[in-house]
Amino acid sequence: KNLDCRKQVLQFLAENKVSQVLGCKDILKVEGREAMRLTDGTNSLYVVLRMPGRSEDDAEQKFDFPTDGFVYDVRTAQALGRKRSVSAKVPLAGAGCWSVCAGQASGFEVPLPATIARGSDLQTTIRLNVASGPAGTRLFRVRLIRPDGTSGLQFERKLTAADGVCEFKFRMAFNDQKGQWTLAVKDVLTGLEESFGFNVK
């Protein structure tokens, strides 16, 4: 909490050409924040943690990304548009989380058979359509929903999609419910989610 010490650390980093994960003009006067960046070289995920016991303020901060892109609030699944910064209040003992994507996600392509038999495999290719740039590496959350509207952990998968494309295969049980099932696919970076139907007989 020594201001002079913090100034010296920032000066040392600047002299050694160490860039900040996120730019923030309030970095000296606003305490208790820690920023992280995860990237595949195309898309980036930024997380700002706020540590209890080290900050008591209610400040709104402006965070500057090193590159511009299509920005999404990952926690609220809200598209913020193409920009290079966000303004937000990071909750105490919580986190802010934003993705910056090179391309704008516009929807999924998931071709499914109209009907499959119980005891057979549901197979498909999941593709994220992206405009104005490459898809990069994505994480998809895939869920199967029964005809009665229920699901469960056994019906969920988390799949890595290189270039926004991955294969999905699921063995339907011999005693699964008959009727109209739903395959729900969500892109974790953007919050974009779509559902697709098929019949089990």
N, C-alpha and C. Protein backbone atom coordinates (compact mmCIF):
# COMPACT_ATOMS: atom_id res chain seq x y z
N LYS A 1 0.81 -1.20 0.00
CA LYS A 1 0.00 0.00 0.00
C LYS A 1 0.85 1.27 0.00
N ASN A 2 2.18 1.10 -0.16
CA ASN A 2 3.07 2.24 -0.21
C ASN A 2 3.07 2.81 -1.62
N LEU A 3 2.57 4.06 -1.78
CA LEU A 3 2.41 4.65 -3.10
C LEU A 3 3.75 4.83 -3.79
N ASP A 4 4.76 5.30 -3.06
CA ASP A 4 6.07 5.50 -3.66
C ASP A 4 6.65 4.19 -4.18
N CYS A 5 6.46 3.13 -3.41
CA CYS A 5 6.96 1.82 -3.83
C CYS A 5 6.27 1.35 -5.11
N ARG A 6 4.97 1.58 -5.19
CA ARG A 6 4.23 1.18 -6.38
C ARG A 6 4.68 1.98 -7.60
N LYS A 7 4.95 3.26 -7.41
CA LYS A 7 5.46 4.09 -8.50
C LYS A 7 6.80 3.56 -9.00
N GLN A 8 7.65 3.16 -8.07
CA GLN A 8 8.96 2.63 -8.44
C GLN A 8 8.84 1.33 -9.23
N VAL A 9 7.90 0.48 -8.81
CA VAL A 9 7.69 -0.78 -9.53
C VAL A 9 7.22 -0.52 -10.95
N LEU A 10 6.25 0.40 -11.11
CA LEU A 10 5.77 0.75 -12.45
C LEU A 10 6.88 1.34 -13.31
N GLN A 11 7.71 2.20 -12.71
CA GLN A 11 8.81 2.79 -13.45
C GLN A 11 9.81 1.72 -13.89
N PHE A 12 10.09 0.77 -13.00
CA PHE A 12 11.02 -0.31 -13.33
C PHE A 12 10.49 -1.15 -14.49
N LEU A 13 9.20 -1.47 -14.45
CA LEU A 13 8.60 -2.27 -15.52
C LEU A 13 8.63 -1.51 -16.84
N ALA A 14 8.33 -0.22 -16.79
CA ALA A 14 8.34 0.59 -18.01
C ALA A 14 9.75 0.69 -18.61
N GLU A 15 10.75 0.87 -17.74
CA GLU A 15 12.13 0.97 -18.22
C GLU A 15 12.60 -0.33 -18.86
N ASN A 16 12.03 -1.45 -18.43
CA ASN A 16 12.40 -2.75 -18.99
C ASN A 16 11.41 -3.23 -20.06
N LYS A 17 10.58 -2.29 -20.52
CA LYS A 17 9.64 -2.54 -21.62
C LYS A 17 8.69 -3.70 -21.35
N VAL A 18 8.25 -3.79 -20.10
CA VAL A 18 7.25 -4.78 -19.72
C VAL A 18 5.88 -4.11 -19.81
N SER A 19 5.05 -4.57 -20.72
CA SER A 19 3.75 -3.94 -20.93
C SER A 19 2.72 -4.49 -19.95
N GLN A 20 1.73 -3.68 -19.65
CA GLN A 20 0.65 -4.11 -18.77
C GLN A 20 -0.28 -5.07 -19.51
N VAL A 21 -0.87 -6.00 -18.76
CA VAL A 21 -1.88 -6.89 -19.33
C VAL A 21 -3.07 -6.08 -19.82
N LEU A 22 -3.51 -5.15 -18.98
CA LEU A 22 -4.58 -4.22 -19.31
C LEU A 22 -4.13 -2.82 -18.92
N GLY A 23 -4.34 -1.86 -19.79
CA GLY A 23 -4.02 -0.50 -19.45
C GLY A 23 -5.08 0.09 -18.53
N CYS A 24 -4.66 0.87 -17.53
CA CYS A 24 -5.60 1.50 -16.61
C CYS A 24 -4.93 2.72 -15.98
N LYS A 25 -5.51 3.90 -16.20
CA LYS A 25 -4.92 5.14 -15.68
C LYS A 25 -4.99 5.21 -14.15
N ASP A 26 -5.90 4.43 -13.56
CA ASP A 26 -6.08 4.47 -12.10
C ASP A 26 -5.22 3.45 -11.37
N ILE A 27 -4.25 2.88 -12.05
CA ILE A 27 -3.52 1.75 -11.48
C ILE A 27 -2.81 2.10 -10.17
N LEU A 28 -2.41 3.35 -10.00
CA LEU A 28 -1.70 3.72 -8.78
C LEU A 28 -2.64 3.96 -7.60
N LYS A 29 -3.78 4.58 -7.86
CA LYS A 29 -4.64 4.97 -6.74
C LYS A 29 -5.71 3.94 -6.40
N VAL A 30 -5.97 2.98 -7.29
CA VAL A 30 -6.99 1.95 -7.03
C VAL A 30 -6.28 0.64 -6.72
N GLU A 31 -6.50 0.13 -5.54
CA GLU A 31 -5.75 -1.04 -5.07
C GLU A 31 -6.57 -2.32 -5.16
N GLY A 32 -5.85 -3.44 -5.00
CA GLY A 32 -6.50 -4.74 -4.84
C GLY A 32 -7.02 -5.37 -6.12
N ARG A 33 -6.46 -5.00 -7.27
CA ARG A 33 -6.85 -5.61 -8.54
C ARG A 33 -5.69 -6.42 -9.13
N GLU A 34 -6.04 -7.48 -9.81
CA GLU A 34 -5.04 -8.29 -10.50
C GLU A 34 -5.61 -8.71 -11.84
N ALA A 35 -4.86 -8.48 -12.92
CA ALA A 35 -5.35 -8.77 -14.26
C ALA A 35 -4.62 -9.97 -14.86
N MET A 36 -5.35 -10.75 -15.66
CA MET A 36 -4.79 -11.89 -16.37
C MET A 36 -5.27 -11.86 -17.81
N ARG A 37 -4.47 -12.41 -18.70
CA ARG A 37 -4.85 -12.54 -20.10
C ARG A 37 -4.55 -13.96 -20.57
N LEU A 38 -5.55 -14.61 -21.16
CA LEU A 38 -5.39 -15.91 -21.79
C LEU A 38 -5.65 -15.72 -23.27
N THR A 39 -4.76 -16.23 -24.13
CA THR A 39 -4.93 -15.99 -25.56
C THR A 39 -4.44 -17.16 -26.38
N ASP A 40 -5.05 -17.33 -27.55
CA ASP A 40 -4.58 -18.32 -28.51
C ASP A 40 -3.87 -17.63 -29.67
N GLY A 41 -3.67 -16.31 -29.55
CA GLY A 41 -3.05 -15.54 -30.60
C GLY A 41 -4.06 -14.86 -31.51
N THR A 42 -5.32 -15.31 -31.46
CA THR A 42 -6.39 -14.72 -32.26
C THR A 42 -7.41 -14.04 -31.36
N ASN A 43 -7.91 -14.77 -30.38
CA ASN A 43 -8.86 -14.25 -29.40
C ASN A 43 -8.19 -14.17 -28.03
N SER A 44 -8.69 -13.28 -27.19
CA SER A 44 -8.11 -13.15 -25.85
C SER A 44 -9.23 -13.08 -24.81
N LEU A 45 -8.94 -13.65 -23.65
CA LEU A 45 -9.84 -13.58 -22.50
C LEU A 45 -9.12 -12.82 -21.40
N TYR A 46 -9.75 -11.72 -20.94
CA TYR A 46 -9.17 -10.89 -19.88
C TYR A 46 -9.99 -11.03 -18.61
N VAL A 47 -9.29 -11.23 -17.49
CA VAL A 47 -9.95 -11.37 -16.19
C VAL A 47 -9.31 -10.39 -15.22
N VAL A 48 -10.13 -9.62 -14.53
CA VAL A 48 -9.65 -8.73 -13.47
C VAL A 48 -10.24 -9.22 -12.16
N LEU A 49 -9.37 -9.67 -11.26
CA LEU A 49 -9.78 -10.15 -9.94
C LEU A 49 -9.71 -9.01 -8.93
N ARG A 50 -10.63 -9.03 -7.99
CA ARG A 50 -10.60 -8.03 -6.92
C ARG A 50 -10.51 -8.76 -5.59
N MET A 51 -9.46 -8.47 -4.86
CA MET A 51 -9.15 -9.22 -3.66
C MET A 51 -9.70 -8.53 -2.41
N PRO A 52 -10.49 -9.25 -1.60
CA PRO A 52 -11.00 -8.65 -0.36
C PRO A 52 -9.86 -8.39 0.61
N GLY A 53 -10.01 -7.34 1.39
CA GLY A 53 -8.97 -6.99 2.35
C GLY A 53 -7.93 -6.03 1.79
N ARG A 54 -7.91 -5.88 0.46
CA ARG A 54 -6.93 -4.98 -0.14
C ARG A 54 -7.60 -3.81 -0.86
N SER A 55 -8.94 -3.79 -0.87
CA SER A 55 -9.63 -2.67 -1.52
C SER A 55 -11.01 -2.50 -0.89
N GLU A 56 -11.38 -1.25 -0.73
CA GLU A 56 -12.68 -0.94 -0.14
C GLU A 56 -13.45 0.09 -0.96
N ASP A 57 -12.94 0.43 -2.13
CA ASP A 57 -13.52 1.49 -2.94
C ASP A 57 -14.72 0.97 -3.76
N ASP A 58 -15.40 1.91 -4.39
CA ASP A 58 -16.52 1.59 -5.27
C ASP A 58 -16.27 2.22 -6.65
N ALA A 59 -15.02 2.20 -7.07
CA ALA A 59 -14.61 2.94 -8.26
C ALA A 59 -14.98 2.22 -9.55
N GLU A 60 -15.42 2.99 -10.53
CA GLU A 60 -15.55 2.48 -11.89
C GLU A 60 -14.25 2.76 -12.61
N GLN A 61 -13.73 1.77 -13.29
CA GLN A 61 -12.44 1.90 -13.95
C GLN A 61 -12.59 1.70 -15.46
N LYS A 62 -11.69 2.32 -16.19
CA LYS A 62 -11.61 2.10 -17.62
C LYS A 62 -10.41 1.21 -17.90
N PHE A 63 -10.66 0.08 -18.55
CA PHE A 63 -9.59 -0.85 -18.90
C PHE A 63 -9.35 -0.80 -20.40
N ASP A 64 -8.09 -0.60 -20.79
CA ASP A 64 -7.71 -0.50 -22.19
C ASP A 64 -7.05 -1.80 -22.65
N PHE A 65 -7.61 -2.40 -23.70
CA PHE A 65 -7.03 -3.62 -24.27
C PHE A 65 -5.87 -3.26 -25.19
N PRO A 66 -4.88 -4.14 -25.31
CA PRO A 66 -3.74 -3.84 -26.20
C PRO A 66 -4.11 -3.84 -27.68
N THR A 67 -5.21 -4.50 -28.04
CA THR A 67 -5.69 -4.51 -29.43
C THR A 67 -7.20 -4.31 -29.43
N ASP A 68 -7.72 -3.84 -30.56
CA ASP A 68 -9.17 -3.72 -30.64
C ASP A 68 -9.76 -5.02 -31.19
N GLY A 69 -11.06 -5.16 -31.05
CA GLY A 69 -11.74 -6.36 -31.52
C GLY A 69 -13.19 -6.31 -31.07
N PHE A 70 -13.90 -7.41 -31.30
CA PHE A 70 -15.28 -7.52 -30.87
C PHE A 70 -15.29 -7.96 -29.41
N VAL A 71 -15.81 -7.10 -28.54
CA VAL A 71 -15.71 -7.30 -27.10
C VAL A 71 -17.02 -7.85 -26.54
N TYR A 72 -16.90 -8.80 -25.64
CA TYR A 72 -18.06 -9.43 -24.99
C TYR A 72 -17.82 -9.48 -23.49
N ASP A 73 -18.87 -9.17 -22.73
CA ASP A 73 -18.84 -9.38 -21.28
C ASP A 73 -19.20 -10.85 -21.06
N VAL A 74 -18.21 -11.65 -20.68
CA VAL A 74 -18.41 -13.10 -20.58
C VAL A 74 -19.38 -13.46 -19.47
N ARG A 75 -19.37 -12.71 -18.37
CA ARG A 75 -20.23 -13.05 -17.22
C ARG A 75 -21.70 -12.79 -17.51
N THR A 76 -21.98 -11.77 -18.33
CA THR A 76 -23.38 -11.44 -18.62
C THR A 76 -23.79 -11.87 -20.02
N ALA A 77 -22.84 -12.44 -20.78
CA ALA A 77 -23.10 -12.86 -22.17
C ALA A 77 -23.63 -11.70 -23.01
N GLN A 78 -23.02 -10.53 -22.83
CA GLN A 78 -23.46 -9.33 -23.53
C GLN A 78 -22.42 -8.89 -24.55
N ALA A 79 -22.86 -8.65 -25.79
CA ALA A 79 -21.98 -8.13 -26.83
C ALA A 79 -21.85 -6.61 -26.65
N LEU A 80 -20.62 -6.12 -26.59
CA LEU A 80 -20.36 -4.71 -26.34
C LEU A 80 -19.92 -3.96 -27.59
N GLY A 81 -19.79 -4.68 -28.71
CA GLY A 81 -19.40 -4.04 -29.96
C GLY A 81 -17.89 -4.06 -30.18
N ARG A 82 -17.49 -3.49 -31.30
CA ARG A 82 -16.06 -3.42 -31.62
C ARG A 82 -15.46 -2.21 -30.91
N LYS A 83 -14.49 -2.46 -30.05
CA LYS A 83 -13.90 -1.37 -29.27
C LYS A 83 -12.54 -1.80 -28.74
N ARG A 84 -11.91 -0.89 -28.02
CA ARG A 84 -10.58 -1.17 -27.48
C ARG A 84 -10.53 -0.97 -25.97
N SER A 85 -11.66 -0.67 -25.35
CA SER A 85 -11.67 -0.47 -23.91
C SER A 85 -13.07 -0.75 -23.36
N VAL A 86 -13.13 -0.97 -22.04
CA VAL A 86 -14.41 -1.12 -21.34
C VAL A 86 -14.32 -0.34 -20.04
N SER A 87 -15.47 0.13 -19.56
CA SER A 87 -15.56 0.76 -18.24
C SER A 87 -16.45 -0.10 -17.36
N ALA A 88 -15.98 -0.40 -16.17
CA ALA A 88 -16.75 -1.31 -15.31
C ALA A 88 -16.33 -1.16 -13.86
N LYS A 89 -17.24 -1.55 -12.95
CA LYS A 89 -16.94 -1.69 -11.54
C LYS A 89 -16.71 -3.17 -11.27
N VAL A 90 -15.51 -3.52 -10.85
CA VAL A 90 -15.21 -4.91 -10.52
C VAL A 90 -15.74 -5.18 -9.12
N PRO A 91 -16.63 -6.18 -8.95
CA PRO A 91 -17.22 -6.41 -7.63
C PRO A 91 -16.21 -6.89 -6.60
N LEU A 92 -16.40 -6.49 -5.37
CA LEU A 92 -15.52 -6.90 -4.28
C LEU A 92 -15.57 -8.42 -4.13
N ALA A 93 -14.40 -9.03 -4.02
CA ALA A 93 -14.25 -10.48 -3.93
C ALA A 93 -14.81 -11.16 -5.17
N GLY A 94 -14.90 -10.42 -6.28
CA GLY A 94 -15.41 -10.97 -7.52
C GLY A 94 -14.42 -10.74 -8.65
N ALA A 95 -14.96 -10.71 -9.87
CA ALA A 95 -14.10 -10.56 -11.04
C ALA A 95 -14.87 -9.93 -12.19
N GLY A 96 -14.14 -9.25 -13.04
CA GLY A 96 -14.64 -8.83 -14.33
C GLY A 96 -14.03 -9.72 -15.39
N CYS A 97 -14.78 -10.05 -16.42
CA CYS A 97 -14.29 -11.01 -17.41
C CYS A 97 -14.79 -10.59 -18.80
N TRP A 98 -13.84 -10.33 -19.70
CA TRP A 98 -14.20 -9.89 -21.05
C TRP A 98 -13.38 -10.67 -22.08
N SER A 99 -14.01 -10.96 -23.20
CA SER A 99 -13.30 -11.55 -24.32
C SER A 99 -13.17 -10.52 -25.43
N VAL A 100 -12.04 -10.55 -26.12
CA VAL A 100 -11.82 -9.71 -27.29
C VAL A 100 -11.54 -10.64 -28.46
N CYS A 101 -12.46 -10.67 -29.41
CA CYS A 101 -12.41 -11.64 -30.51
C CYS A 101 -12.10 -10.94 -31.83
N ALA A 102 -11.32 -11.61 -32.67
CA ALA A 102 -10.95 -11.03 -33.96
C ALA A 102 -12.13 -10.97 -34.92
N GLY A 103 -13.05 -11.93 -34.80
CA GLY A 103 -14.23 -11.97 -35.65
C GLY A 103 -15.51 -11.91 -34.84
N GLN A 104 -16.60 -11.51 -35.50
CA GLN A 104 -17.89 -11.37 -34.83
C GLN A 104 -18.72 -12.63 -35.06
N ALA A 105 -19.05 -13.34 -33.99
CA ALA A 105 -19.84 -14.56 -34.10
C ALA A 105 -21.26 -14.23 -34.52
N SER A 106 -21.78 -14.99 -35.51
CA SER A 106 -23.11 -14.70 -36.03
C SER A 106 -24.09 -15.87 -35.89
N GLY A 107 -23.61 -17.05 -35.51
CA GLY A 107 -24.52 -18.18 -35.36
C GLY A 107 -23.80 -19.50 -35.58
N PHE A 108 -24.52 -20.58 -35.33
CA PHE A 108 -23.96 -21.92 -35.47
C PHE A 108 -24.55 -22.65 -36.68
N GLU A 109 -23.75 -23.55 -37.23
CA GLU A 109 -24.23 -24.55 -38.18
C GLU A 109 -24.09 -25.90 -37.51
N VAL A 110 -25.21 -26.59 -37.30
CA VAL A 110 -25.20 -27.91 -36.66
C VAL A 110 -26.18 -28.80 -37.41
N PRO A 111 -25.75 -29.47 -38.46
CA PRO A 111 -26.65 -30.36 -39.20
C PRO A 111 -26.95 -31.63 -38.40
N LEU A 112 -28.24 -31.90 -38.21
CA LEU A 112 -28.67 -33.08 -37.45
C LEU A 112 -29.62 -33.92 -38.28
N PRO A 113 -29.60 -35.22 -38.07
CA PRO A 113 -30.62 -36.05 -38.71
C PRO A 113 -31.99 -35.75 -38.12
N ALA A 114 -33.03 -35.89 -38.92
CA ALA A 114 -34.37 -35.63 -38.41
C ALA A 114 -34.74 -36.61 -37.31
N THR A 115 -34.30 -37.88 -37.48
CA THR A 115 -34.65 -38.94 -36.52
C THR A 115 -33.48 -39.88 -36.35
N ILE A 116 -33.25 -40.34 -35.11
CA ILE A 116 -32.28 -41.41 -34.86
C ILE A 116 -32.92 -42.42 -33.93
N ALA A 117 -32.38 -43.63 -33.94
CA ALA A 117 -32.92 -44.71 -33.11
C ALA A 117 -32.22 -44.75 -31.76
N ARG A 118 -32.95 -45.15 -30.74
CA ARG A 118 -32.33 -45.37 -29.44
C ARG A 118 -31.24 -46.44 -29.57
N GLY A 119 -30.13 -46.23 -28.85
CA GLY A 119 -29.01 -47.15 -28.93
C GLY A 119 -28.03 -46.84 -30.04
N SER A 120 -28.28 -45.77 -30.80
CA SER A 120 -27.36 -45.38 -31.88
C SER A 120 -26.64 -44.09 -31.53
N ASP A 121 -25.67 -43.71 -32.37
CA ASP A 121 -24.86 -42.52 -32.12
C ASP A 121 -25.46 -41.30 -32.80
N LEU A 122 -25.52 -40.21 -32.05
CA LEU A 122 -25.82 -38.90 -32.62
C LEU A 122 -24.48 -38.28 -32.98
N GLN A 123 -24.27 -38.01 -34.26
CA GLN A 123 -23.01 -37.46 -34.73
C GLN A 123 -23.26 -36.22 -35.57
N THR A 124 -22.42 -35.20 -35.38
CA THR A 124 -22.55 -33.99 -36.16
C THR A 124 -21.26 -33.18 -36.09
N THR A 125 -21.15 -32.21 -36.97
CA THR A 125 -20.06 -31.22 -36.93
C THR A 125 -20.65 -29.90 -36.48
N ILE A 126 -20.06 -29.31 -35.45
CA ILE A 126 -20.51 -28.02 -34.94
C ILE A 126 -19.58 -26.93 -35.48
N ARG A 127 -20.17 -25.96 -36.15
CA ARG A 127 -19.38 -24.89 -36.76
C ARG A 127 -19.93 -23.53 -36.32
N LEU A 128 -19.04 -22.67 -35.83
CA LEU A 128 -19.42 -21.31 -35.47
C LEU A 128 -19.16 -20.40 -36.67
N ASN A 129 -20.19 -19.75 -37.14
CA ASN A 129 -20.03 -18.79 -38.23
C ASN A 129 -19.51 -17.47 -37.67
N VAL A 130 -18.45 -16.97 -38.28
CA VAL A 130 -17.81 -15.75 -37.81
C VAL A 130 -17.61 -14.81 -39.00
N ALA A 131 -18.03 -13.55 -38.83
CA ALA A 131 -17.84 -12.53 -39.86
C ALA A 131 -16.69 -11.62 -39.49
N SER A 132 -16.09 -11.02 -40.48
CA SER A 132 -15.08 -9.95 -40.29
C SER A 132 -13.82 -10.43 -39.59
N GLY A 133 -13.46 -11.70 -39.73
CA GLY A 133 -12.22 -12.15 -39.13
C GLY A 133 -12.23 -13.63 -38.84
N PRO A 134 -11.09 -14.17 -38.38
CA PRO A 134 -11.00 -15.60 -38.08
C PRO A 134 -11.72 -15.97 -36.79
N ALA A 135 -12.11 -17.24 -36.69
CA ALA A 135 -12.80 -17.71 -35.49
C ALA A 135 -11.83 -17.95 -34.34
N GLY A 136 -10.63 -18.43 -34.65
CA GLY A 136 -9.68 -18.77 -33.60
C GLY A 136 -10.15 -19.98 -32.81
N THR A 137 -9.50 -20.25 -31.70
CA THR A 137 -9.87 -21.37 -30.85
C THR A 137 -11.05 -20.98 -29.96
N ARG A 138 -12.06 -21.85 -29.90
CA ARG A 138 -13.26 -21.59 -29.10
C ARG A 138 -13.51 -22.75 -28.15
N LEU A 139 -14.31 -22.46 -27.12
CA LEU A 139 -14.78 -23.49 -26.21
C LEU A 139 -16.30 -23.52 -26.31
N PHE A 140 -16.85 -24.68 -26.67
CA PHE A 140 -18.29 -24.85 -26.78
C PHE A 140 -18.82 -25.66 -25.60
N ARG A 141 -19.93 -25.21 -25.03
CA ARG A 141 -20.66 -26.00 -24.06
C ARG A 141 -21.85 -26.61 -24.79
N VAL A 142 -21.91 -27.94 -24.82
CA VAL A 142 -22.94 -28.66 -25.56
C VAL A 142 -23.80 -29.44 -24.58
N ARG A 143 -25.13 -29.28 -24.68
CA ARG A 143 -26.06 -29.99 -23.80
C ARG A 143 -27.14 -30.67 -24.61
N LEU A 144 -27.50 -31.85 -24.17
CA LEU A 144 -28.67 -32.54 -24.70
C LEU A 144 -29.81 -32.39 -23.71
N ILE A 145 -30.99 -32.04 -24.22
CA ILE A 145 -32.17 -31.83 -23.37
C ILE A 145 -33.24 -32.82 -23.78
N ARG A 146 -33.75 -33.57 -22.80
CA ARG A 146 -34.75 -34.60 -23.06
C ARG A 146 -36.09 -33.98 -23.49
N PRO A 147 -36.97 -34.81 -24.03
CA PRO A 147 -38.31 -34.31 -24.40
C PRO A 147 -39.09 -33.69 -23.24
N ASP A 148 -38.82 -34.14 -21.99
CA ASP A 148 -39.55 -33.58 -20.85
C ASP A 148 -38.90 -32.30 -20.32
N GLY A 149 -37.85 -31.80 -21.01
CA GLY A 149 -37.21 -30.55 -20.63
C GLY A 149 -36.07 -30.68 -19.65
N THR A 150 -35.76 -31.88 -19.21
CA THR A 150 -34.68 -32.09 -18.23
C THR A 150 -33.37 -32.42 -18.95
N SER A 151 -32.28 -32.24 -18.20
CA SER A 151 -30.96 -32.59 -18.71
C SER A 151 -30.16 -33.16 -17.54
N GLY A 152 -28.85 -33.13 -17.60
CA GLY A 152 -28.01 -33.64 -16.52
C GLY A 152 -26.56 -33.63 -16.95
N LEU A 153 -25.65 -33.83 -15.98
CA LEU A 153 -24.22 -33.77 -16.29
C LEU A 153 -23.82 -34.80 -17.34
N GLN A 154 -24.51 -35.95 -17.36
CA GLN A 154 -24.17 -36.98 -18.34
C GLN A 154 -24.51 -36.56 -19.75
N PHE A 155 -25.32 -35.51 -19.90
CA PHE A 155 -25.71 -35.03 -21.22
C PHE A 155 -24.95 -33.75 -21.61
N GLU A 156 -23.88 -33.41 -20.88
CA GLU A 156 -23.13 -32.19 -21.17
C GLU A 156 -21.71 -32.52 -21.61
N ARG A 157 -21.21 -31.70 -22.52
CA ARG A 157 -19.83 -31.82 -22.98
C ARG A 157 -19.25 -30.41 -23.12
N LYS A 158 -17.96 -30.27 -22.85
CA LYS A 158 -17.22 -29.04 -23.14
C LYS A 158 -16.18 -29.41 -24.19
N LEU A 159 -16.28 -28.78 -25.36
CA LEU A 159 -15.47 -29.16 -26.51
C LEU A 159 -14.62 -27.99 -26.99
N THR A 160 -13.35 -28.26 -27.25
CA THR A 160 -12.46 -27.28 -27.85
C THR A 160 -12.65 -27.30 -29.35
N ALA A 161 -12.85 -26.12 -29.93
CA ALA A 161 -13.13 -26.01 -31.36
C ALA A 161 -12.04 -25.18 -32.03
N ALA A 162 -11.07 -25.85 -32.66
CA ALA A 162 -10.04 -25.14 -33.41
C ALA A 162 -10.69 -24.49 -34.64
N ASP A 163 -10.40 -23.23 -34.85
CA ASP A 163 -11.00 -22.47 -35.96
C ASP A 163 -12.52 -22.47 -35.91
N GLY A 164 -13.08 -22.64 -34.71
CA GLY A 164 -14.53 -22.59 -34.54
C GLY A 164 -15.27 -23.82 -35.00
N VAL A 165 -14.56 -24.95 -35.18
CA VAL A 165 -15.19 -26.18 -35.68
C VAL A 165 -14.78 -27.36 -34.82
N CYS A 166 -15.74 -28.22 -34.48
CA CYS A 166 -15.42 -29.45 -33.75
C CYS A 166 -16.43 -30.54 -34.08
N GLU A 167 -16.06 -31.76 -33.79
CA GLU A 167 -16.94 -32.91 -33.99
C GLU A 167 -17.63 -33.26 -32.67
N PHE A 168 -18.87 -33.69 -32.78
CA PHE A 168 -19.65 -34.10 -31.61
C PHE A 168 -20.24 -35.47 -31.86
N LYS A 169 -20.08 -36.35 -30.86
CA LYS A 169 -20.63 -37.71 -30.97
C LYS A 169 -21.18 -38.11 -29.61
N PHE A 170 -22.41 -38.61 -29.59
CA PHE A 170 -23.04 -39.00 -28.34
C PHE A 170 -23.87 -40.26 -28.57
N ARG A 171 -23.64 -41.27 -27.74
CA ARG A 171 -24.39 -42.52 -27.85
C ARG A 171 -25.70 -42.40 -27.07
N MET A 172 -26.81 -42.51 -27.78
CA MET A 172 -28.12 -42.52 -27.14
C MET A 172 -28.36 -43.90 -26.52
N ALA A 173 -28.91 -43.91 -25.31
CA ALA A 173 -29.15 -45.17 -24.61
C ALA A 173 -30.40 -45.86 -25.17
N PHE A 174 -30.46 -47.17 -24.94
CA PHE A 174 -31.63 -47.94 -25.42
C PHE A 174 -32.90 -47.56 -24.67
N ASN A 175 -32.74 -47.02 -23.46
CA ASN A 175 -33.92 -46.65 -22.67
C ASN A 175 -34.12 -45.14 -22.58
N ASP A 176 -33.46 -44.36 -23.46
CA ASP A 176 -33.69 -42.92 -23.48
C ASP A 176 -35.12 -42.60 -23.89
N GLN A 177 -35.59 -41.44 -23.47
CA GLN A 177 -36.95 -41.04 -23.78
C GLN A 177 -37.15 -40.92 -25.30
N LYS A 178 -38.28 -41.36 -25.75
CA LYS A 178 -38.66 -41.14 -27.15
C LYS A 178 -39.24 -39.74 -27.30
N GLY A 179 -39.13 -39.19 -28.49
CA GLY A 179 -39.72 -37.88 -28.76
C GLY A 179 -38.69 -36.87 -29.22
N GLN A 180 -39.04 -35.59 -29.13
CA GLN A 180 -38.23 -34.50 -29.64
C GLN A 180 -37.17 -34.07 -28.61
N TRP A 181 -35.91 -34.27 -28.96
CA TRP A 181 -34.78 -33.85 -28.14
C TRP A 181 -34.24 -32.52 -28.66
N THR A 182 -33.44 -31.85 -27.80
CA THR A 182 -32.81 -30.59 -28.18
C THR A 182 -31.31 -30.67 -27.94
N LEU A 183 -30.55 -30.21 -28.91
CA LEU A 183 -29.10 -30.06 -28.76
C LEU A 183 -28.82 -28.56 -28.65
N ALA A 184 -28.37 -28.12 -27.47
CA ALA A 184 -28.07 -26.70 -27.22
C ALA A 184 -26.57 -26.49 -27.26
N VAL A 185 -26.11 -25.51 -28.02
CA VAL A 185 -24.69 -25.23 -28.18
C VAL A 185 -24.43 -23.78 -27.78
N LYS A 186 -23.42 -23.57 -26.93
CA LYS A 186 -23.06 -22.23 -26.47
C LYS A 186 -21.58 -21.98 -26.69
N ASP A 187 -21.26 -20.83 -27.26
CA ASP A 187 -19.88 -20.37 -27.39
C ASP A 187 -19.53 -19.60 -26.12
N VAL A 188 -18.61 -20.14 -25.33
CA VAL A 188 -18.33 -19.57 -24.01
C VAL A 188 -17.75 -18.16 -24.10
N LEU A 189 -16.94 -17.88 -25.11
CA LEU A 189 -16.31 -16.56 -25.22
C LEU A 189 -17.31 -15.44 -25.46
N THR A 190 -18.39 -15.73 -26.18
CA THR A 190 -19.34 -14.68 -26.55
C THR A 190 -20.69 -14.80 -25.87
N GLY A 191 -21.02 -15.99 -25.35
CA GLY A 191 -22.34 -16.21 -24.78
C GLY A 191 -23.39 -16.56 -25.81
N LEU A 192 -23.01 -16.59 -27.10
CA LEU A 192 -23.95 -16.95 -28.16
C LEU A 192 -24.41 -18.39 -27.97
N GLU A 193 -25.73 -18.61 -27.98
CA GLU A 193 -26.28 -19.95 -27.78
C GLU A 193 -27.43 -20.19 -28.75
N GLU A 194 -27.46 -21.38 -29.33
CA GLU A 194 -28.55 -21.77 -30.23
C GLU A 194 -28.94 -23.22 -29.92
N SER A 195 -30.16 -23.55 -30.29
CA SER A 195 -30.69 -24.89 -30.05
C SER A 195 -31.15 -25.52 -31.36
N PHE A 196 -31.00 -26.85 -31.43
CA PHE A 196 -31.35 -27.60 -32.63
C PHE A 196 -32.09 -28.86 -32.22
N GLY A 197 -33.13 -29.23 -32.95
CA GLY A 197 -33.97 -30.36 -32.57
C GLY A 197 -33.75 -31.61 -33.42
N PHE A 198 -34.04 -32.76 -32.80
CA PHE A 198 -34.04 -34.04 -33.52
C PHE A 198 -34.97 -34.99 -32.77
N ASN A 199 -35.41 -36.00 -33.45
CA ASN A 199 -36.37 -36.94 -32.86
C ASN A 199 -35.68 -38.27 -32.55
N VAL A 200 -36.02 -38.84 -31.40
CA VAL A 200 -35.52 -40.17 -31.02
C VAL A 200 -36.70 -41.14 -31.03
N LYS A 201 -36.53 -42.25 -31.72
CA LYS A 201 -37.62 -43.24 -31.80
C LYS A 201 -37.19 -44.57 -31.21
